[in-house]
Protein backbone atom coordinates (compact mmCIF):
# COMPACT_ATOMS: atom_id res chain seq x y z
CA UNK A 1 54.99 44.69 77.68
CA UNK A 2 55.26 42.26 74.68
CA UNK A 3 58.12 39.74 74.62
CA UNK A 4 60.54 40.81 71.90
CA UNK A 5 63.06 38.70 70.07
CA UNK A 6 65.51 39.23 67.27
CA UNK A 7 66.25 36.59 64.62
CA UNK A 8 69.31 36.86 62.38
CA UNK A 9 70.39 35.26 59.08
CA UNK A 10 74.00 35.82 58.15
CA UNK A 11 75.74 35.32 54.83
CA UNK A 12 75.90 33.33 52.54
CA UNK A 13 72.43 32.53 51.27
CA UNK A 14 71.41 33.75 47.86
CA UNK A 15 71.00 37.45 48.24
CA UNK A 16 67.87 37.52 46.04
CA UNK A 17 65.57 35.57 48.36
CA UNK A 18 64.62 35.85 52.05
CA UNK A 19 65.27 33.31 54.69
CA UNK A 20 62.36 30.80 54.85
CA UNK A 21 63.57 30.00 58.37
CA UNK A 22 63.18 33.53 59.58
CA UNK A 23 59.96 34.16 57.70
CA UNK A 24 58.26 31.01 59.10
CA UNK A 25 59.31 31.66 62.63
CA UNK A 26 58.24 35.36 62.59
CA UNK A 27 54.84 34.55 61.25
CA UNK A 28 54.23 31.74 63.79
CA UNK A 29 55.49 33.68 66.82
CA UNK A 30 53.56 36.79 65.89
CA UNK A 31 50.35 34.69 66.21
CA UNK A 32 51.46 33.80 69.70
CA UNK A 33 51.72 37.56 70.55
CA UNK A 34 55.60 37.52 70.49
CA UNK A 35 57.17 40.41 68.72
CA UNK A 36 59.79 39.36 66.20
CA UNK A 37 62.19 41.46 64.29
CA UNK A 38 64.21 39.60 61.62
CA UNK A 39 67.50 40.80 60.22
CA UNK A 40 68.66 39.52 56.82
CA UNK A 41 72.25 40.84 56.84
CA UNK A 42 73.37 39.04 53.68
CA UNK A 43 71.79 41.29 51.07
CA UNK A 44 73.71 44.23 52.69
CA UNK A 45 76.87 42.20 52.55
CA UNK A 46 76.34 41.62 48.90
CA UNK A 47 75.93 45.36 48.43
CA UNK A 48 79.02 46.11 50.40
CA UNK A 49 81.47 43.75 48.66
CA UNK A 50 79.70 43.69 45.16
CA UNK A 51 77.09 41.27 44.00
CA UNK A 52 79.47 39.35 41.61
CA UNK A 53 81.99 38.78 44.39
CA UNK A 54 79.27 37.76 46.81
CA UNK A 55 77.89 35.17 44.32
CA UNK A 56 81.35 33.84 43.68
CA UNK A 57 81.95 33.31 47.39
CA UNK A 58 78.46 31.98 48.18
CA UNK A 59 78.83 29.27 45.42
CA UNK A 60 81.52 27.46 47.60
CA UNK A 61 81.11 26.35 51.13
CA UNK A 62 84.83 26.65 51.81
CA UNK A 63 85.17 30.19 50.41
CA UNK A 64 82.07 31.22 52.39
CA UNK A 65 83.32 29.87 55.67
CA UNK A 66 86.86 31.16 55.05
CA UNK A 67 85.86 34.85 54.83
CA UNK A 68 84.31 35.00 58.29
CA UNK A 69 86.80 32.54 59.80
CA UNK A 70 89.47 35.22 59.24
CA UNK A 71 87.26 37.69 61.18
CA UNK A 72 86.37 35.21 63.89
CA UNK A 73 90.10 34.13 64.30
CA UNK A 74 92.22 37.10 63.01
CA UNK A 75 95.47 35.27 63.93
CA UNK A 76 94.64 32.78 61.10
CA UNK A 77 94.29 35.33 58.36
CA UNK A 78 97.67 34.39 56.79
CA UNK A 79 96.77 30.69 56.61
CA UNK A 80 93.35 31.51 55.21
CA UNK A 81 94.79 33.78 52.58
CA UNK A 82 97.14 30.97 51.57
CA UNK A 83 94.14 28.61 51.37
CA UNK A 84 92.30 31.05 49.09
CA UNK A 85 95.26 31.36 46.84
CA UNK A 86 95.42 27.61 46.37
CA UNK A 87 91.69 27.58 45.58
CA UNK A 88 92.19 30.30 43.01
CA UNK A 89 94.93 28.25 41.14
CA UNK A 90 92.71 25.16 41.16
CA UNK A 91 89.76 26.75 39.44
CA UNK A 92 89.15 27.04 35.76
CA UNK A 93 87.71 30.49 36.31
CA UNK A 94 90.25 32.32 38.23
CA UNK A 95 89.14 33.86 41.46
CA UNK A 96 89.81 37.45 42.45
CA UNK A 97 89.22 37.53 46.18
CA UNK A 98 91.14 40.09 48.14
CA UNK A 99 90.58 38.80 51.66
CA UNK A 100 91.75 41.95 53.57
CA UNK A 101 89.70 44.24 51.37
CA UNK A 102 86.53 42.11 51.69
CA UNK A 103 86.77 41.55 55.38
CA UNK A 104 87.39 45.28 56.02
CA UNK A 105 84.24 46.17 54.14
CA UNK A 106 82.31 43.46 56.07
CA UNK A 107 83.59 44.75 59.42
CA UNK A 108 82.48 48.31 58.66
CA UNK A 109 79.07 47.08 57.75
CA UNK A 110 78.63 44.96 60.89
CA UNK A 111 79.81 47.83 63.04
CA UNK A 112 76.88 49.80 61.76
CA UNK A 113 74.68 46.82 62.57
CA UNK A 114 76.04 46.58 66.13
CA UNK A 115 75.73 50.28 66.80
CA UNK A 116 72.62 51.05 64.90
CA UNK A 117 70.41 48.34 66.21
CA UNK A 118 69.13 48.53 69.88
CA UNK A 119 69.97 44.99 70.79
CA UNK A 120 69.30 45.61 74.41
CA UNK A 121 65.55 45.91 73.81
CA UNK A 122 65.27 42.17 72.99
CA UNK A 123 64.74 39.44 75.51
CA UNK A 124 66.16 36.73 73.23
CA UNK A 125 68.41 36.83 70.11
CA UNK A 126 68.47 33.86 67.66
CA UNK A 127 70.57 32.96 64.67
CA UNK A 128 69.59 30.49 61.93
CA UNK A 129 72.54 28.44 60.88
CA UNK A 130 72.35 26.49 57.59
CA UNK A 131 74.76 25.68 54.85
CA UNK A 132 77.80 28.07 54.75
CA UNK A 133 76.60 30.09 57.72
CA UNK A 134 78.67 28.70 60.59
CA UNK A 135 81.54 31.15 60.86
CA UNK A 136 79.47 34.15 59.94
CA UNK A 137 76.91 33.33 62.59
CA UNK A 138 79.54 32.66 65.29
CA UNK A 139 81.16 35.99 64.48
CA UNK A 140 77.92 37.99 64.87
CA UNK A 141 77.01 35.96 68.01
CA UNK A 142 80.27 36.86 69.71
CA UNK A 143 80.00 40.53 68.84
CA UNK A 144 76.36 40.78 70.04
CA UNK A 145 77.14 38.93 73.24
CA UNK A 146 80.00 41.32 73.90
CA UNK A 147 77.57 44.19 73.77
CA UNK A 148 74.76 42.50 75.67
CA UNK A 149 76.14 39.74 77.82
CA UNK A 150 72.90 39.21 79.76
CA UNK A 151 70.69 38.57 76.80
CA UNK A 152 70.39 34.85 75.96
CA UNK A 153 71.32 33.70 72.55
CA UNK A 154 69.81 30.78 70.69
CA UNK A 155 70.83 28.99 67.48
CA UNK A 156 69.00 26.58 65.27
CA UNK A 157 68.86 25.28 61.73
CA UNK A 158 69.97 22.33 59.66
CA UNK A 159 73.68 23.31 60.27
CA UNK A 160 73.56 22.66 63.99
CA UNK A 161 71.66 19.30 64.17
CA UNK A 162 72.74 16.49 66.64
CA UNK A 163 76.20 16.46 67.93
CA UNK A 164 77.13 19.56 65.90
CA UNK A 165 74.88 21.78 68.03
CA UNK A 166 75.87 20.03 71.15
CA UNK A 167 79.56 20.67 70.58
CA UNK A 168 78.93 24.34 69.70
CA UNK A 169 77.02 24.75 73.01
CA UNK A 170 79.86 23.23 74.91
CA UNK A 171 82.66 25.26 73.27
CA UNK A 172 81.10 28.64 72.76
CA UNK A 173 79.89 30.22 75.97
CA UNK A 174 78.23 33.03 74.01
CA UNK A 175 75.57 30.43 72.96
CA UNK A 176 72.89 29.65 75.60
CA UNK A 177 70.43 27.44 73.71
CA UNK A 178 70.28 25.17 70.65
CA UNK A 179 67.10 24.06 68.96
CA UNK A 180 67.10 20.58 67.57
CA UNK A 181 64.68 20.05 64.64
CA UNK A 182 62.07 22.62 63.60
CA UNK A 183 61.87 25.75 65.68
CA UNK A 184 58.29 26.90 66.03
CA UNK A 185 57.24 24.95 69.16
CA UNK A 186 60.55 24.93 71.08
CA UNK A 187 61.11 28.61 70.42
CA UNK A 188 57.60 29.57 71.49
CA UNK A 189 57.91 27.55 74.71
CA UNK A 190 61.31 29.02 75.44
CA UNK A 191 59.92 32.50 75.06
CA UNK A 192 57.16 31.63 77.58
CA UNK A 193 59.65 30.16 79.95
CA UNK A 194 61.96 33.18 79.76
CA UNK A 195 59.01 35.50 80.38
CA UNK A 196 57.68 33.57 83.27
CA UNK A 197 61.15 32.48 84.52
CA UNK A 198 60.05 28.89 84.59
CA UNK A 199 61.43 25.51 83.74
CA UNK A 200 63.58 25.21 80.56
CA UNK A 201 63.06 21.44 80.20
CA UNK A 202 61.60 21.71 76.69
CA UNK A 203 61.63 18.97 74.07
CA UNK A 204 63.77 19.97 71.07
CA UNK A 205 65.89 22.46 73.17
CA UNK A 206 69.46 21.92 74.41
CA UNK A 207 70.97 24.18 77.05
CA UNK A 208 73.94 24.42 79.35
CA UNK A 209 73.19 23.50 83.03
CA UNK A 210 75.87 23.01 85.74
CA UNK A 211 78.57 22.99 82.99
CA UNK A 212 76.81 20.14 81.17
CA UNK A 213 74.70 20.20 78.01
CA UNK A 214 71.18 18.86 78.69
CA UNK A 215 68.08 18.47 76.61
CA UNK A 216 67.07 16.33 73.64
CA UNK A 217 64.13 15.30 71.55
CA UNK A 218 62.06 17.09 68.95
CA UNK A 219 58.82 19.02 68.77
CA UNK A 220 57.07 19.10 65.45
CA UNK A 221 53.81 20.58 64.16
CA UNK A 222 51.96 17.66 62.65
CA UNK A 223 49.56 19.47 60.47
CA UNK A 224 51.46 22.03 58.40
CA UNK A 225 48.24 23.63 57.18
CA UNK A 226 47.98 25.17 60.62
CA UNK A 227 51.12 27.25 59.91
CA UNK A 228 50.61 30.85 58.74
CA UNK A 229 52.35 31.95 55.47
CA UNK A 230 55.97 33.05 56.08
CA UNK A 231 56.40 36.83 56.87
CA UNK A 232 59.13 38.33 54.66
CA UNK A 233 58.25 41.97 55.40
CA UNK A 234 61.67 42.71 57.03
CA UNK A 235 63.65 41.31 54.14
CA UNK A 236 61.82 43.39 51.56
CA UNK A 237 62.18 46.46 53.80
CA UNK A 238 65.96 45.81 53.87
CA UNK A 239 65.99 45.41 50.06
CA UNK A 240 64.42 48.84 49.62
CA UNK A 241 67.59 50.42 50.90
CA UNK A 242 69.87 48.15 48.72
CA UNK A 243 71.91 49.57 45.89
CA UNK A 244 70.94 46.64 43.68
CA UNK A 245 67.28 46.63 44.66
CA UNK A 246 66.16 47.83 41.16
CA UNK A 247 68.19 45.12 39.32
CA UNK A 248 67.60 42.08 41.58
CA UNK A 249 64.72 39.86 40.66
CA UNK A 250 63.67 38.43 44.00
CA UNK A 251 62.47 34.92 44.60
CA UNK A 252 59.91 33.93 47.21
CA UNK A 253 60.66 30.74 49.19
CA UNK A 254 57.67 28.44 49.33
CA UNK A 255 57.34 25.47 51.72
CA UNK A 256 55.04 22.67 50.75
CA UNK A 257 56.38 19.89 52.98
CA UNK A 258 59.00 19.05 55.55
CA UNK A 259 61.17 15.94 55.65
CA UNK A 260 61.45 13.11 53.05
CA UNK A 261 59.04 10.21 52.60
CA UNK A 262 61.76 8.13 51.07
CA UNK A 263 63.94 8.48 54.20
CA UNK A 264 62.92 5.83 56.74
CA UNK A 265 65.69 6.43 59.22
CA UNK A 266 63.24 7.81 61.81
CA UNK A 267 61.59 4.43 61.91
CA UNK A 268 64.72 2.65 62.97
CA UNK A 269 65.88 1.92 59.41
CA UNK A 270 68.92 4.19 58.85
CA UNK A 271 69.89 2.43 55.62
CA UNK A 272 66.46 3.00 54.12
CA UNK A 273 67.36 6.42 52.77
CA UNK A 274 69.69 7.84 50.13
CA UNK A 275 72.87 6.82 51.79
CA UNK A 276 74.90 9.92 51.03
CA UNK A 277 72.15 12.30 52.06
CA UNK A 278 72.02 14.29 55.38
CA UNK A 279 69.44 16.91 54.40
CA UNK A 280 66.76 15.64 56.64
CA UNK A 281 68.43 15.31 60.01
CA UNK A 282 66.27 18.04 61.50
CA UNK A 283 63.03 16.28 60.59
CA UNK A 284 61.30 13.18 61.97
CA UNK A 285 59.12 11.72 59.27
CA UNK A 286 57.35 13.50 56.43
CA UNK A 287 54.56 16.04 56.55
CA UNK A 288 52.97 17.93 53.65
CA UNK A 289 50.55 20.79 53.22
CA UNK A 290 47.39 20.01 51.36
CA UNK A 291 47.44 21.14 47.63
CA UNK A 292 44.69 23.79 48.24
CA UNK A 293 46.69 25.30 51.01
CA UNK A 294 49.82 25.48 48.85
CA UNK A 295 47.96 27.22 46.12
CA UNK A 296 46.41 29.72 48.52
CA UNK A 297 49.85 30.44 49.97
CA UNK A 298 51.41 30.93 46.52
CA UNK A 299 48.56 33.33 45.66
CA UNK A 300 48.95 35.25 48.95
CA UNK A 301 52.75 35.57 48.78
CA UNK A 302 52.85 36.58 45.14
CA UNK A 303 50.22 39.30 45.73
CA UNK A 304 51.84 40.53 48.96
CA UNK A 305 55.46 40.75 47.70
CA UNK A 306 54.86 41.40 43.97
CA UNK A 307 57.34 38.74 42.86
CA UNK A 308 56.77 36.06 40.26
CA UNK A 309 59.80 33.85 41.02
CA UNK A 310 59.02 31.00 43.43
CA UNK A 311 61.58 28.74 45.09
CA UNK A 312 60.15 25.59 46.66
CA UNK A 313 62.39 24.66 49.60
CA UNK A 314 61.01 21.09 49.91
CA UNK A 315 63.53 18.32 49.87
CA UNK A 316 61.08 16.16 48.03
CA UNK A 317 57.71 16.58 46.25
CA UNK A 318 54.47 15.15 47.62
CA UNK A 319 53.58 12.98 44.63
CA UNK A 320 50.07 12.43 45.83
CA UNK A 321 49.16 16.03 45.37
CA UNK A 322 51.15 16.98 42.24
CA UNK A 323 48.20 17.27 39.81
CA UNK A 324 45.96 19.27 42.17
CA UNK A 325 48.72 21.52 43.34
CA UNK A 326 50.16 22.53 39.96
CA UNK A 327 46.83 22.67 38.20
CA UNK A 328 45.79 25.06 41.00
CA UNK A 329 48.88 27.23 40.62
CA UNK A 330 48.46 27.27 36.82
CA UNK A 331 44.80 28.42 37.25
CA UNK A 332 46.01 31.46 39.24
CA UNK A 333 46.87 32.80 35.76
CA UNK A 334 50.29 34.28 36.56
CA UNK A 335 53.51 34.15 34.59
CA UNK A 336 55.44 32.34 37.32
CA UNK A 337 59.01 31.10 37.27
CA UNK A 338 59.31 28.15 39.69
CA UNK A 339 62.18 26.11 40.97
CA UNK A 340 61.84 22.88 42.93
CA UNK A 341 63.55 19.59 43.77
CA UNK A 342 62.25 16.08 43.02
CA UNK A 343 63.12 12.47 42.64
CA UNK A 344 63.34 10.95 39.20
CA UNK A 345 60.00 9.04 39.33
CA UNK A 346 57.90 11.98 38.08
CA UNK A 347 55.71 10.81 35.27
CA UNK A 348 55.66 12.71 32.02
CA UNK A 349 52.06 13.75 32.51
CA UNK A 350 52.89 15.14 35.97
CA UNK A 351 55.87 17.12 34.54
CA UNK A 352 53.46 18.60 31.91
CA UNK A 353 51.17 19.91 34.76
CA UNK A 354 54.22 21.43 36.50
CA UNK A 355 55.41 23.12 33.33
CA UNK A 356 51.99 24.63 32.75
CA UNK A 357 52.16 26.11 36.29
CA UNK A 358 55.53 27.77 35.47
CA UNK A 359 58.08 25.26 36.63
CA UNK A 360 61.24 26.38 34.72
CA UNK A 361 64.02 24.59 36.66
CA UNK A 362 64.11 21.31 38.62
CA UNK A 363 66.97 19.73 40.50
CA UNK A 364 66.26 16.06 39.96
CA UNK A 365 67.92 13.62 42.33
CA UNK A 366 69.60 11.67 39.49
CA UNK A 367 73.07 11.22 41.07
CA UNK A 368 74.10 8.22 38.82
CA UNK A 369 73.65 6.68 35.40
CA UNK A 370 74.46 3.14 36.64
CA UNK A 371 71.65 1.05 38.04
CA UNK A 372 74.05 -0.99 40.15
CA UNK A 373 75.54 2.15 41.73
CA UNK A 374 72.02 3.59 42.23
CA UNK A 375 71.22 0.46 44.23
CA UNK A 376 74.29 1.02 46.42
CA UNK A 377 73.09 4.53 47.00
CA UNK A 378 69.64 3.24 47.85
CA UNK A 379 68.09 5.76 45.44
CA UNK A 380 65.29 3.49 44.56
CA UNK A 381 65.60 4.31 40.86
CA UNK A 382 67.24 2.92 37.73
CA UNK A 383 69.42 4.40 34.96
CA UNK A 384 66.59 4.14 32.50
CA UNK A 385 64.20 6.14 34.85
CA UNK A 386 66.89 8.82 35.24
CA UNK A 387 67.26 9.00 31.50
CA UNK A 388 63.49 9.22 30.98
CA UNK A 389 63.22 12.26 33.27
CA UNK A 390 66.16 13.89 31.56
CA UNK A 391 64.42 13.32 28.20
CA UNK A 392 61.06 14.75 29.42
CA UNK A 393 62.65 17.80 30.97
CA UNK A 394 64.37 18.47 27.62
CA UNK A 395 61.09 18.11 25.77
CA UNK A 396 59.22 20.52 27.99
CA UNK A 397 62.01 23.11 28.17
CA UNK A 398 62.59 22.61 31.85
CA UNK A 399 66.18 23.12 33.01
CA UNK A 400 67.37 19.98 34.82
CA UNK A 401 70.14 21.05 37.14
CA UNK A 402 71.06 17.60 38.38
CA UNK A 403 74.34 16.10 39.54
CA UNK A 404 76.30 12.99 38.69
CA UNK A 405 78.16 11.74 41.77
CA UNK A 406 81.55 10.24 41.22
CA UNK A 407 84.06 8.49 43.50
CA UNK A 408 81.20 6.98 45.54
CA UNK A 409 82.74 4.77 48.33
CA UNK A 410 82.49 1.17 47.35
CA UNK A 411 81.73 1.80 43.69
CA UNK A 412 83.40 -0.51 41.15
CA UNK A 413 84.99 -0.12 37.68
CA UNK A 414 82.07 -1.84 36.13
CA UNK A 415 79.83 0.96 37.32
CA UNK A 416 82.27 3.49 35.82
CA UNK A 417 82.03 1.59 32.42
CA UNK A 418 78.25 1.49 32.69
CA UNK A 419 78.20 5.20 33.33
CA UNK A 420 80.41 6.09 30.40
CA UNK A 421 78.32 3.93 28.11
CA UNK A 422 75.10 5.55 29.17
CA UNK A 423 76.45 9.10 28.94
CA UNK A 424 76.71 8.46 25.14
CA UNK A 425 72.96 7.95 24.97
CA UNK A 426 72.09 11.18 26.85
CA UNK A 427 74.39 13.67 25.18
CA UNK A 428 71.40 15.32 23.47
CA UNK A 429 70.01 16.33 26.91
CA UNK A 430 71.06 19.06 29.35
CA UNK A 431 74.36 17.84 30.89
CA UNK A 432 74.61 16.52 34.46
CA UNK A 433 77.20 18.22 36.61
CA UNK A 434 79.93 15.81 37.49
CA UNK A 435 80.82 16.19 41.21
CA UNK A 436 83.05 14.23 43.59
CA UNK A 437 81.36 12.48 46.50
CA UNK A 438 81.52 14.28 49.80
CA UNK A 439 80.87 12.76 53.19
CA UNK A 440 78.31 14.48 55.33
CA UNK A 441 77.73 14.21 59.07
CA UNK A 442 74.72 12.02 59.89
CA UNK A 443 74.42 10.28 56.55
CA UNK A 444 74.02 6.53 56.43
CA UNK A 445 77.53 6.22 55.04
CA UNK A 446 78.98 8.25 57.99
CA UNK A 447 76.95 6.06 60.37
CA UNK A 448 78.01 2.71 58.79
CA UNK A 449 81.41 3.46 57.19
CA UNK A 450 82.67 -0.16 57.13
CA UNK A 451 79.83 -1.10 54.73
CA UNK A 452 81.34 1.35 52.26
CA UNK A 453 85.04 0.38 52.75
CA UNK A 454 85.74 3.47 54.86
CA UNK A 455 88.30 2.87 57.56
CA UNK A 456 88.34 6.21 59.38
CA UNK A 457 86.35 9.42 59.48
CA UNK A 458 87.54 12.76 60.64
CA UNK A 459 86.61 16.53 60.43
CA UNK A 460 87.43 17.80 56.93
CA UNK A 461 91.02 19.10 56.95
CA UNK A 462 89.89 22.57 55.56
CA UNK A 463 88.33 23.13 58.95
CA UNK A 464 91.88 22.80 60.45
CA UNK A 465 92.85 25.88 58.36
CA UNK A 466 89.78 27.89 59.36
CA UNK A 467 89.63 26.95 63.09
CA UNK A 468 92.29 26.82 65.75
CA UNK A 469 93.42 23.35 66.65
CA UNK A 470 91.37 23.22 69.96
CA UNK A 471 88.11 23.86 68.04
CA UNK A 472 89.10 21.57 65.14
CA UNK A 473 89.55 18.66 67.53
CA UNK A 474 86.63 19.27 69.67
CA UNK A 475 83.81 20.45 67.40
CA UNK A 476 81.62 18.24 65.18
CA UNK A 477 81.49 19.67 61.62
CA UNK A 478 79.11 19.01 58.78
CA UNK A 479 81.70 18.13 56.24
CA UNK A 480 83.85 15.04 56.84
CA UNK A 481 87.08 13.64 55.51
CA UNK A 482 87.68 9.86 55.40
CA UNK A 483 90.20 7.16 54.65
CA UNK A 484 89.15 4.34 52.30
CA UNK A 485 90.45 3.76 48.71
CA UNK A 486 89.99 7.45 47.84
CA UNK A 487 92.94 7.51 45.47
CA UNK A 488 91.70 4.48 43.57
CA UNK A 489 88.19 5.98 43.26
CA UNK A 490 89.50 9.25 41.95
CA UNK A 491 91.57 7.38 39.42
CA UNK A 492 88.82 5.18 38.05
CA UNK A 493 86.22 8.01 37.95
CA UNK A 494 88.54 10.52 36.31
CA UNK A 495 87.28 9.63 32.73
CA UNK A 496 83.69 10.24 33.86
CA UNK A 497 84.55 13.72 35.09
CA UNK A 498 86.38 14.43 31.87
CA UNK A 499 83.42 13.11 29.81
CA UNK A 500 81.05 15.40 31.78
CA UNK A 501 83.09 18.45 30.87
CA UNK A 502 83.09 17.39 27.27
CA UNK A 503 79.34 16.88 27.45
CA UNK A 504 78.97 20.47 28.84
CA UNK A 505 81.06 21.86 25.96
CA UNK A 506 79.15 19.84 23.31
CA UNK A 507 75.72 20.83 24.56
CA UNK A 508 76.70 24.53 24.86
CA UNK A 509 78.10 24.52 21.36
CA UNK A 510 75.11 22.79 19.82
CA UNK A 511 72.65 25.11 21.57
CA UNK A 512 74.62 28.16 20.36
CA UNK A 513 74.17 26.96 16.74
CA UNK A 514 70.41 26.44 17.16
CA UNK A 515 67.77 26.42 19.91
CA UNK A 516 66.26 23.27 18.39
CA UNK A 517 66.47 19.96 20.21
CA UNK A 518 69.62 17.98 19.45
CA UNK A 519 67.63 14.69 19.06
CA UNK A 520 64.04 15.13 18.02
CA UNK A 521 61.28 13.73 15.82
CA UNK A 522 58.53 15.21 13.65
CA UNK A 523 55.40 13.01 13.06
CA UNK A 524 53.92 12.76 9.60
CA UNK A 525 50.90 10.76 10.55
CA UNK A 526 51.90 7.45 8.95
CA UNK A 527 55.67 8.07 9.10
CA UNK A 528 58.16 9.65 11.54
CA UNK A 529 61.42 11.57 10.92
CA UNK A 530 63.91 11.31 13.71
CA UNK A 531 66.56 14.07 13.41
CA UNK A 532 69.87 13.92 15.20
CA UNK A 533 71.75 17.25 14.87
CA UNK A 534 75.48 16.81 14.50
CA UNK A 535 78.36 19.24 14.50
CA UNK A 536 78.89 21.76 11.71
CA UNK A 537 75.19 21.95 10.95
CA UNK A 538 74.84 18.40 9.69
CA UNK A 539 71.92 16.16 10.42
CA UNK A 540 71.53 12.39 10.71
CA UNK A 541 67.95 11.36 9.70
CA UNK A 542 66.11 8.14 10.54
CA UNK A 543 62.69 7.50 8.78
CA UNK A 544 60.21 5.16 10.49
CA UNK A 545 57.08 4.09 8.62
CA UNK A 546 53.91 2.38 9.56
CA UNK A 547 54.26 0.04 12.47
CA UNK A 548 57.94 1.13 13.01
CA UNK A 549 56.56 4.62 13.73
CA UNK A 550 53.96 3.22 16.12
CA UNK A 551 56.50 1.20 18.13
CA UNK A 552 58.77 4.25 18.43
CA UNK A 553 55.90 6.44 19.66
CA UNK A 554 54.64 3.72 22.00
CA UNK A 555 58.07 3.67 23.72
CA UNK A 556 57.95 7.46 24.35
CA UNK A 557 57.79 6.48 28.02
CA UNK A 558 59.46 3.37 29.47
CA UNK A 559 57.96 0.14 28.22
CA UNK A 560 58.74 -3.49 29.13
CA UNK A 561 59.33 -5.80 26.16
CA UNK A 562 56.37 -7.85 27.29
CA UNK A 563 54.05 -4.82 26.92
CA UNK A 564 55.61 -3.97 23.55
CA UNK A 565 55.04 -7.54 22.23
CA UNK A 566 51.43 -7.60 23.54
CA UNK A 567 50.69 -4.38 21.78
CA UNK A 568 52.24 -5.49 18.47
CA UNK A 569 51.14 -9.13 18.32
CA UNK A 570 51.40 -9.27 14.54
CA UNK A 571 55.16 -9.04 14.81
CA UNK A 572 57.17 -12.08 16.09
CA UNK A 573 59.11 -11.46 19.28
CA UNK A 574 62.33 -12.24 17.59
CA UNK A 575 61.71 -9.72 14.77
CA UNK A 576 60.42 -7.10 17.22
CA UNK A 577 63.45 -7.44 19.52
CA UNK A 578 65.77 -7.22 16.50
CA UNK A 579 64.12 -4.02 15.45
CA UNK A 580 64.38 -2.42 18.91
CA UNK A 581 67.97 -3.43 19.17
CA UNK A 582 68.70 -1.82 15.85
CA UNK A 583 67.25 1.48 17.25
CA UNK A 584 69.44 1.07 20.37
CA UNK A 585 72.54 0.61 18.07
CA UNK A 586 71.67 3.96 16.43
CA UNK A 587 71.38 5.55 19.88
CA UNK A 588 67.85 6.75 19.31
CA UNK A 589 66.49 4.28 21.80
CA UNK A 590 67.80 3.21 25.22
CA UNK A 591 67.66 -0.35 26.58
CA UNK A 592 68.05 -1.61 30.09
CA UNK A 593 67.32 -5.23 30.68
CA UNK A 594 63.93 -5.81 29.02
CA UNK A 595 62.89 -2.18 29.18
CA UNK A 596 63.05 0.24 26.33
CA UNK A 597 62.74 4.02 25.97
CA UNK A 598 62.65 6.14 22.81
CA UNK A 599 65.16 8.92 23.16
CA UNK A 600 64.02 11.61 20.58
CA UNK A 601 61.65 14.33 21.84
CA UNK A 602 58.86 15.81 19.89
CA UNK A 603 60.16 18.84 17.99
CA UNK A 604 57.09 21.02 18.43
CA UNK A 605 54.83 20.60 21.38
CA UNK A 606 51.27 21.87 21.30
CA UNK A 607 50.63 24.98 23.38
CA UNK A 608 49.51 24.33 26.94
């Protein structure tokens, strides 16, 4: 008799794509002769409450966690409704969330899940818990355990790493095991142990033993090429019965790597990482699939599931394989629409390969337009590098959905001033989203708070609304509150947030008037016309002739003044610098130290 397990993914992931966690585990365990049924309940919840309501809730961690918190702890419904009302008043787009109505629909749906699925046929039931899935997962776990008290339940995912998972295991008796790190090997070994009733001392697995939580370590697959492609069959079967199945354009999650090569914390260097980031707590080191394997996987998944939207889940690109990977994908000859995340050091030529493959949207890790602040964040980038990638994305028609972090602990007014100054240079490009810094469990800042003028850290106060006091005080949560000059930071960064909103309005207005680039150039061979579109259909034109044209084109990518002067030896350094500075004054060139970057993009790119 085959060993059978059920894996669950609860709201609130995007309803239009399957869970990479469930798909990867199902495919791997099936190879080990373990039968796996995966249940993606979130598309059904989206159907039940309406896709627009679902998307509104899923866009906010607090709204997401609040809905199921009222089901998990019904006695807190009044407090939670009050919280939702405050959130509604704070938002520019007024929310319309009727808590009682939504939770009633969700309860009815889950009753059908609990009655209609034969949970007793499984030897193990697991739940993947990532962002915004804590309360929803706890709710379903308690319900299933009530029906089948003897079936062990395991949780895993980025939302239960470290002390978070340990505290959940201590305080929720319905949970029997917690996986630390990636799940393939620990889950496989646990299934074998349950089947043979042997030892549960498995690296990467925590359990409760003699009223104590035991177990630690990680188990990772070193060569990701050995993994089979994810199996999303159950998700697409669920979608067939969905009301919105004909209107939803699904996206296929693709995994090219795990971890982050920039993050060196696993080597005993916790500050050698982006200091606000906690996205890689479940990994130790960085591993990547080979380019040829990624291309084969893309081809296989697109063919199997008949979807052209791809969503790379990697936290960072493997730069060494960019050309081979994206040229290979482009050569598949499909009209793909690809999303991915990357650092800002992508070269223009690399971005061109990616665009040819079908990359339409990138979330670049920009985070700041102040080099001093980027250094405090340990981003390993500079303002001019960030501006360069913004420019190149604009030129290639790639949506850059990047953030600008404000109120960063330890930031100074001079960094605010630098940020405001630099925003004036990038107004022609897609706006960055101004966000306030949030403190995450496991980040370098949370681990070394005094370095960032933080005096005290505590569980974020919203959790005290969602959870009873006992749980609020005992659990470790992902989002943290802190004490440390927060009022001052919010005051000094307020102009930046205001400027970001103005930038959004300006860009939207200019694009509504014309799809043309706001700042662009056309090359006449021996002269150049730089056009800056202004409000009300007016243009500001700059004509560059002869060597002036050559200098501007030479600085299409970042160039050090030494390189520029070596290239144009016939011009004295004094005269050359004066010319470059005149372009900076006109805001058609950016200068940082001795490095220069032309800001106008080519108006018409050649096809391909």
